[in-house]
Amino acid sequence: MANPNKVKGTQWESDVRDYLNAALGLVDEYGKFLDPFDAHNVRRPAQEGSADVGDVHAVPFVFECKNVKRVSVPTFLRQADVEARHAGFPYGVAVVKVPRLNVRRGKVHFSVPTWTRVRLALGMSSRAFADRYAFAASLRGLDSGKWYMTTELEDFRLLLADVRALRNAR
C-alpha cells in the first residue's frame, strides 16, 4: 500500500496543476489540453536523478507543493529556489494547502528576493504589486532570510498570466 502522506502530496500537486490549467483556459471542459505542445501548460514533471526539479512547472515558475500539518515556509522556499535552479527556471515558490479549503485558497509563498525580481520584471512599485496580487508580508524576527510574501493561488493565477503576457510581448 502506498504511503498515505505521499498520496496526499501527489493529490495536492495534481489539484494545483488542474486548477491553474482550467483557470488559465489551457484545457477543455474534460481537462484535456487544448494544445498538448503548448509550453504554457502547467505540468507535473517526472523526477529524474538526484537533482529534484520541483513538483509543478508553470513557466516561468517552479512550485514546491506542500500538504503538511506543520508548515515551515522558509525551508520550503529554500527548497523551491534550489529546484528552480535545477529545472532552469527563474522563479521558485512554495504552494501550501490550507486544510478544508478549496485549491484556489492555497497559499503561494515567495521569498522576498523572488518577489522583488518578479515585481521588477513587471515594472511595478511594491505597493502596486502587493495590491494587484493581494500579497501579505510575513516579517518574522530580525532575520530577513525568514521573511516572505504570500498570496492565494487564485490571485497568483492573475500574476502568472501577467508575467507570461509580458514575456510574450518581448
C-alpha atoms as a PDB file:
ATOM      1  CA  MET A   1       0.000   0.000   0.000  1.00  0.00           C
ATOM      2  CA  ALA A   2       1.254   3.478  -0.866  1.00  0.00           C
ATOM      3  CA  ASN A   3       2.405   5.905   1.813  1.00  0.00           C
ATOM      4  CA  PRO A   4      -0.724   7.955   2.732  1.00  0.00           C
ATOM      5  CA  ASN A   5       1.307  11.175   3.081  1.00  0.00           C
ATOM      6  CA  LYS A   6       2.791  10.648  -0.392  1.00  0.00           C
ATOM      7  CA  VAL A   7      -0.719  10.108  -1.776  1.00  0.00           C
ATOM      8  CA  LYS A   8      -1.938  13.367  -0.159  1.00  0.00           C
ATOM      9  CA  GLY A   9       1.060  15.268  -1.511  1.00  0.00           C
ATOM     10  CA  THR A  10       0.619  13.895  -5.020  1.00  0.00           C
ATOM     11  CA  GLN A  11      -3.080  14.772  -4.944  1.00  0.00           C
ATOM     12  CA  TRP A  12      -2.255  18.351  -3.890  1.00  0.00           C
ATOM     13  CA  GLU A  13       0.242  18.690  -6.752  1.00  0.00           C
ATOM     14  CA  SER A  14      -2.393  17.420  -9.204  1.00  0.00           C
ATOM     15  CA  ASP A  15      -5.051  19.739  -7.757  1.00  0.00           C
ATOM     16  CA  VAL A  16      -2.743  22.762  -8.177  1.00  0.00           C
ATOM     17  CA  ARG A  17      -1.884  21.764 -11.752  1.00  0.00           C
ATOM     18  CA  ASP A  18      -5.504  21.113 -12.699  1.00  0.00           C
ATOM     19  CA  TYR A  19      -6.774  24.342 -11.119  1.00  0.00           C
ATOM     20  CA  LEU A  20      -4.223  26.526 -12.915  1.00  0.00           C
ATOM     21  CA  ASN A  21      -4.733  24.821 -16.282  1.00  0.00           C
ATOM     22  CA  ALA A  22      -8.502  25.347 -16.011  1.00  0.00           C
ATOM     23  CA  ALA A  23      -8.238  28.912 -14.649  1.00  0.00           C
ATOM     24  CA  LEU A  24      -5.833  29.894 -17.426  1.00  0.00           C
ATOM     25  CA  GLY A  25      -8.049  28.353 -20.118  1.00  0.00           C
ATOM     26  CA  LEU A  26      -5.469  25.765 -21.174  1.00  0.00           C
ATOM     27  CA  VAL A  27      -7.815  22.763 -21.012  1.00  0.00           C
ATOM     28  CA  ASP A  28     -11.268  21.876 -22.331  1.00  0.00           C
ATOM     29  CA  GLU A  29     -14.275  21.025 -20.172  1.00  0.00           C
ATOM     30  CA  TYR A  30     -12.901  17.480 -19.740  1.00  0.00           C
ATOM     31  CA  GLY A  31      -9.499  18.635 -18.508  1.00  0.00           C
ATOM     32  CA  LYS A  32      -7.672  17.772 -21.754  1.00  0.00           C
ATOM     33  CA  PHE A  33      -5.042  20.199 -23.024  1.00  0.00           C
ATOM     34  CA  LEU A  34      -6.272  22.380 -25.871  1.00  0.00           C
ATOM     35  CA  ASP A  35      -2.737  22.217 -27.279  1.00  0.00           C
ATOM     36  CA  PRO A  36      -0.669  19.417 -25.712  1.00  0.00           C
ATOM     37  CA  PHE A  37       2.530  21.003 -27.060  1.00  0.00           C
ATOM     38  CA  ASP A  38       1.934  24.466 -25.571  1.00  0.00           C
ATOM     39  CA  ALA A  39       4.870  25.358 -23.296  1.00  0.00           C
ATOM     40  CA  HIS A  40       2.448  27.284 -21.061  1.00  0.00           C
ATOM     41  CA  ASN A  41       0.597  24.151 -19.967  1.00  0.00           C
ATOM     42  CA  VAL A  42       1.061  23.618 -16.244  1.00  0.00           C
ATOM     43  CA  ARG A  43       2.648  20.214 -15.684  1.00  0.00           C
ATOM     44  CA  ARG A  44       3.913  17.818 -13.039  1.00  0.00           C
ATOM     45  CA  PRO A  45       7.362  16.830 -14.295  1.00  0.00           C
ATOM     46  CA  ALA A  46       8.772  13.338 -13.971  1.00  0.00           C
ATOM     47  CA  GLN A  47      11.546  13.268 -11.390  1.00  0.00           C
ATOM     48  CA  GLU A  48      14.890  12.292 -12.833  1.00  0.00           C
ATOM     49  CA  GLY A  49      18.023  11.526 -10.872  1.00  0.00           C
ATOM     50  CA  SER A  50      19.172  13.247  -7.718  1.00  0.00           C
ATOM     51  CA  ALA A  51      18.523  16.833  -8.871  1.00  0.00           C
ATOM     52  CA  ASP A  52      14.859  17.425  -7.993  1.00  0.00           C
ATOM     53  CA  VAL A  53      13.221  19.847 -10.435  1.00  0.00           C
ATOM     54  CA  GLY A  54      10.159  20.724  -8.345  1.00  0.00           C
ATOM     55  CA  ASP A  55       6.629  19.396  -8.090  1.00  0.00           C
ATOM     56  CA  VAL A  56       4.802  21.537 -10.650  1.00  0.00           C
ATOM     57  CA  HIS A  57       6.075  23.674 -13.531  1.00  0.00           C
ATOM     58  CA  ALA A  58       4.119  26.770 -14.562  1.00  0.00           C
ATOM     59  CA  VAL A  59       6.577  28.562 -16.825  1.00  0.00           C
ATOM     60  CA  PRO A  60       8.473  30.605 -15.559  1.00  0.00           C
ATOM     61  CA  PHE A  61       7.734  29.275 -12.034  1.00  0.00           C
ATOM     62  CA  VAL A  62       8.638  26.049 -10.273  1.00  0.00           C
ATOM     63  CA  PHE A  63       6.334  25.094  -7.402  1.00  0.00           C
ATOM     64  CA  GLU A  64       7.281  23.219  -4.297  1.00  0.00           C
ATOM     65  CA  CYS A  65       3.829  21.935  -3.282  1.00  0.00           C
ATOM     66  CA  LYS A  66       3.198  21.034   0.347  1.00  0.00           C
ATOM     67  CA  ASN A  67       0.235  19.388   2.033  1.00  0.00           C
ATOM     68  CA  VAL A  68       1.554  19.136   5.577  1.00  0.00           C
ATOM     69  CA  LYS A  69       0.386  19.698   9.128  1.00  0.00           C
ATOM     70  CA  ARG A  70       3.499  21.595  10.158  1.00  0.00           C
ATOM     71  CA  VAL A  71       4.296  24.456   7.813  1.00  0.00           C
ATOM     72  CA  SER A  72       7.875  25.731   7.541  1.00  0.00           C
ATOM     73  CA  VAL A  73       7.720  28.322   4.784  1.00  0.00           C
ATOM     74  CA  PRO A  74      11.384  29.468   4.871  1.00  0.00           C
ATOM     75  CA  THR A  75      12.511  25.844   4.461  1.00  0.00           C
ATOM     76  CA  PHE A  76      10.031  25.282   1.633  1.00  0.00           C
ATOM     77  CA  LEU A  77      11.247  28.436  -0.130  1.00  0.00           C
ATOM     78  CA  ARG A  78      14.906  27.402   0.067  1.00  0.00           C
ATOM     79  CA  GLN A  79      13.900  24.069  -1.444  1.00  0.00           C
ATOM     80  CA  ALA A  80      11.886  25.802  -4.202  1.00  0.00           C
ATOM     81  CA  ASP A  81      14.859  28.023  -5.115  1.00  0.00           C
ATOM     82  CA  VAL A  82      17.188  25.022  -5.447  1.00  0.00           C
ATOM     83  CA  GLU A  83      14.650  23.112  -7.534  1.00  0.00           C
ATOM     84  CA  ALA A  84      14.031  26.115  -9.811  1.00  0.00           C
ATOM     85  CA  ARG A  85      17.784  26.279 -10.490  1.00  0.00           C
ATOM     86  CA  HIS A  86      17.853  22.541 -11.238  1.00  0.00           C
ATOM     87  CA  ALA A  87      14.950  22.961 -13.671  1.00  0.00           C
ATOM     88  CA  GLY A  88      16.456  26.072 -15.299  1.00  0.00           C
ATOM     89  CA  PHE A  89      13.526  28.312 -14.281  1.00  0.00           C
ATOM     90  CA  PRO A  90      13.985  31.833 -12.879  1.00  0.00           C
ATOM     91  CA  TYR A  91      11.468  31.622 -10.016  1.00  0.00           C
ATOM     92  CA  GLY A  92      10.762  29.090  -7.284  1.00  0.00           C
ATOM     93  CA  VAL A  93       7.744  29.406  -4.956  1.00  0.00           C
ATOM     94  CA  ALA A  94       6.049  27.246  -2.335  1.00  0.00           C
ATOM     95  CA  VAL A  95       2.361  26.368  -2.662  1.00  0.00           C
ATOM     96  CA  VAL A  96       0.870  25.175   0.621  1.00  0.00           C
ATOM     97  CA  LYS A  97      -2.550  23.569   1.052  1.00  0.00           C
ATOM     98  CA  VAL A  98      -4.915  25.130   3.565  1.00  0.00           C
ATOM     99  CA  PRO A  99      -6.885  22.346   5.275  1.00  0.00           C
ATOM    100  CA  ARG A 100     -10.556  22.075   4.337  1.00  0.00           C
ATOM    101  CA  LEU A 101     -10.415  24.924   1.796  1.00  0.00           C
ATOM    102  CA  ASN A 102     -10.720  24.878  -1.989  1.00  0.00           C
ATOM    103  CA  VAL A 103      -7.490  24.653  -4.002  1.00  0.00           C
ATOM    104  CA  ARG A 104      -7.832  28.271  -5.124  1.00  0.00           C
ATOM    105  CA  ARG A 105      -7.336  29.267  -1.466  1.00  0.00           C
ATOM    106  CA  GLY A 106      -3.947  27.533  -1.304  1.00  0.00           C
ATOM    107  CA  LYS A 107      -1.160  29.835  -0.129  1.00  0.00           C
ATOM    108  CA  VAL A 108       1.578  30.787  -2.589  1.00  0.00           C
ATOM    109  CA  HIS A 109       4.692  31.939  -0.761  1.00  0.00           C
ATOM    110  CA  PHE A 110       7.510  33.955  -2.322  1.00  0.00           C
ATOM    111  CA  SER A 111      10.881  34.677  -0.778  1.00  0.00           C
ATOM    112  CA  VAL A 112      11.466  38.429  -0.633  1.00  0.00           C
ATOM    113  CA  PRO A 113      14.218  38.248  -3.315  1.00  0.00           C
ATOM    114  CA  THR A 114      11.968  36.256  -5.687  1.00  0.00           C
ATOM    115  CA  TRP A 115       9.025  38.582  -5.022  1.00  0.00           C
ATOM    116  CA  THR A 116      11.258  41.567  -5.783  1.00  0.00           C
ATOM    117  CA  ARG A 117      12.612  40.038  -9.011  1.00  0.00           C
ATOM    118  CA  VAL A 118       9.091  39.271 -10.288  1.00  0.00           C
ATOM    119  CA  ARG A 119       7.875  42.752  -9.276  1.00  0.00           C
ATOM    120  CA  LEU A 120      10.767  44.432 -11.088  1.00  0.00           C
ATOM    121  CA  ALA A 121      10.237  42.263 -14.179  1.00  0.00           C
ATOM    122  CA  LEU A 122       6.664  43.573 -14.301  1.00  0.00           C
ATOM    123  CA  GLY A 123       7.899  47.139 -13.701  1.00  0.00           C
ATOM    124  CA  MET A 124       5.637  47.696 -10.706  1.00  0.00           C
ATOM    125  CA  SER A 125       6.091  49.526  -7.431  1.00  0.00           C
ATOM    126  CA  SER A 126       5.988  47.470  -4.237  1.00  0.00           C
ATOM    127  CA  ARG A 127       2.585  48.873  -3.262  1.00  0.00           C
ATOM    128  CA  ALA A 128       1.022  48.392  -6.713  1.00  0.00           C
ATOM    129  CA  PHE A 129       2.382  44.833  -6.934  1.00  0.00           C
ATOM    130  CA  ALA A 130       1.190  43.886  -3.445  1.00  0.00           C
ATOM    131  CA  ASP A 131      -2.250  45.410  -4.041  1.00  0.00           C
ATOM    132  CA  ARG A 132      -2.853  43.948  -7.523  1.00  0.00           C
ATOM    133  CA  TYR A 133      -2.000  40.385  -6.465  1.00  0.00           C
ATOM    134  CA  ALA A 134      -3.218  40.582  -2.834  1.00  0.00           C
ATOM    135  CA  PHE A 135       0.150  39.908  -1.218  1.00  0.00           C
ATOM    136  CA  ALA A 136       0.639  39.998   2.526  1.00  0.00           C
ATOM    137  CA  ALA A 137       4.037  40.169   4.213  1.00  0.00           C
ATOM    138  CA  SER A 138       5.285  37.784   6.884  1.00  0.00           C
ATOM    139  CA  LEU A 139       8.132  39.604   8.596  1.00  0.00           C
ATOM    140  CA  ARG A 140       9.188  37.340  11.434  1.00  0.00           C
ATOM    141  CA  GLY A 141      12.023  38.489  13.616  1.00  0.00           C
ATOM    142  CA  LEU A 142      15.129  40.345  12.537  1.00  0.00           C
ATOM    143  CA  ASP A 143      16.402  37.633  10.175  1.00  0.00           C
ATOM    144  CA  SER A 144      15.223  38.816   6.756  1.00  0.00           C
ATOM    145  CA  GLY A 145      16.037  35.353   5.374  1.00  0.00           C
ATOM    146  CA  LYS A 146      12.874  34.170   7.121  1.00  0.00           C
ATOM    147  CA  TRP A 147      10.660  36.899   5.665  1.00  0.00           C
ATOM    148  CA  TYR A 148       8.301  36.058   2.837  1.00  0.00           C
ATOM    149  CA  MET A 149       5.327  37.328   0.836  1.00  0.00           C
ATOM    150  CA  THR A 150       2.084  35.377   0.481  1.00  0.00           C
ATOM    151  CA  THR A 151      -0.909  35.385  -1.834  1.00  0.00           C
ATOM    152  CA  GLU A 152      -3.587  32.844  -2.692  1.00  0.00           C
ATOM    153  CA  LEU A 153      -3.471  30.572  -5.734  1.00  0.00           C
ATOM    154  CA  GLU A 154      -6.493  32.393  -7.173  1.00  0.00           C
ATOM    155  CA  ASP A 155      -4.558  35.697  -7.133  1.00  0.00           C
ATOM    156  CA  PHE A 156      -1.358  34.013  -8.277  1.00  0.00           C
ATOM    157  CA  ARG A 157      -3.234  32.918 -11.413  1.00  0.00           C
ATOM    158  CA  LEU A 158      -3.520  36.575 -12.425  1.00  0.00           C
ATOM    159  CA  LEU A 159       0.164  37.180 -11.649  1.00  0.00           C
ATOM    160  CA  LEU A 160       1.158  34.178 -13.752  1.00  0.00           C
ATOM    161  CA  ALA A 161      -0.956  35.398 -16.679  1.00  0.00           C
ATOM    162  CA  ASP A 162       0.605  38.890 -16.428  1.00  0.00           C
ATOM    163  CA  VAL A 163       4.173  37.548 -16.281  1.00  0.00           C
ATOM    164  CA  ARG A 164       3.509  35.343 -19.290  1.00  0.00           C
ATOM    165  CA  ALA A 165       1.921  38.189 -21.252  1.00  0.00           C
ATOM    166  CA  LEU A 166       4.958  40.362 -20.570  1.00  0.00           C
ATOM    167  CA  ARG A 167       7.349  37.587 -21.656  1.00  0.00           C
ATOM    168  CA  ASN A 168       5.331  37.003 -24.848  1.00  0.00           C
ATOM    169  CA  ALA A 169       5.340  40.731 -25.661  1.00  0.00           C
ATOM    170  CA  ARG A 170       9.127  40.811 -25.714  1.00  0.00           C
END
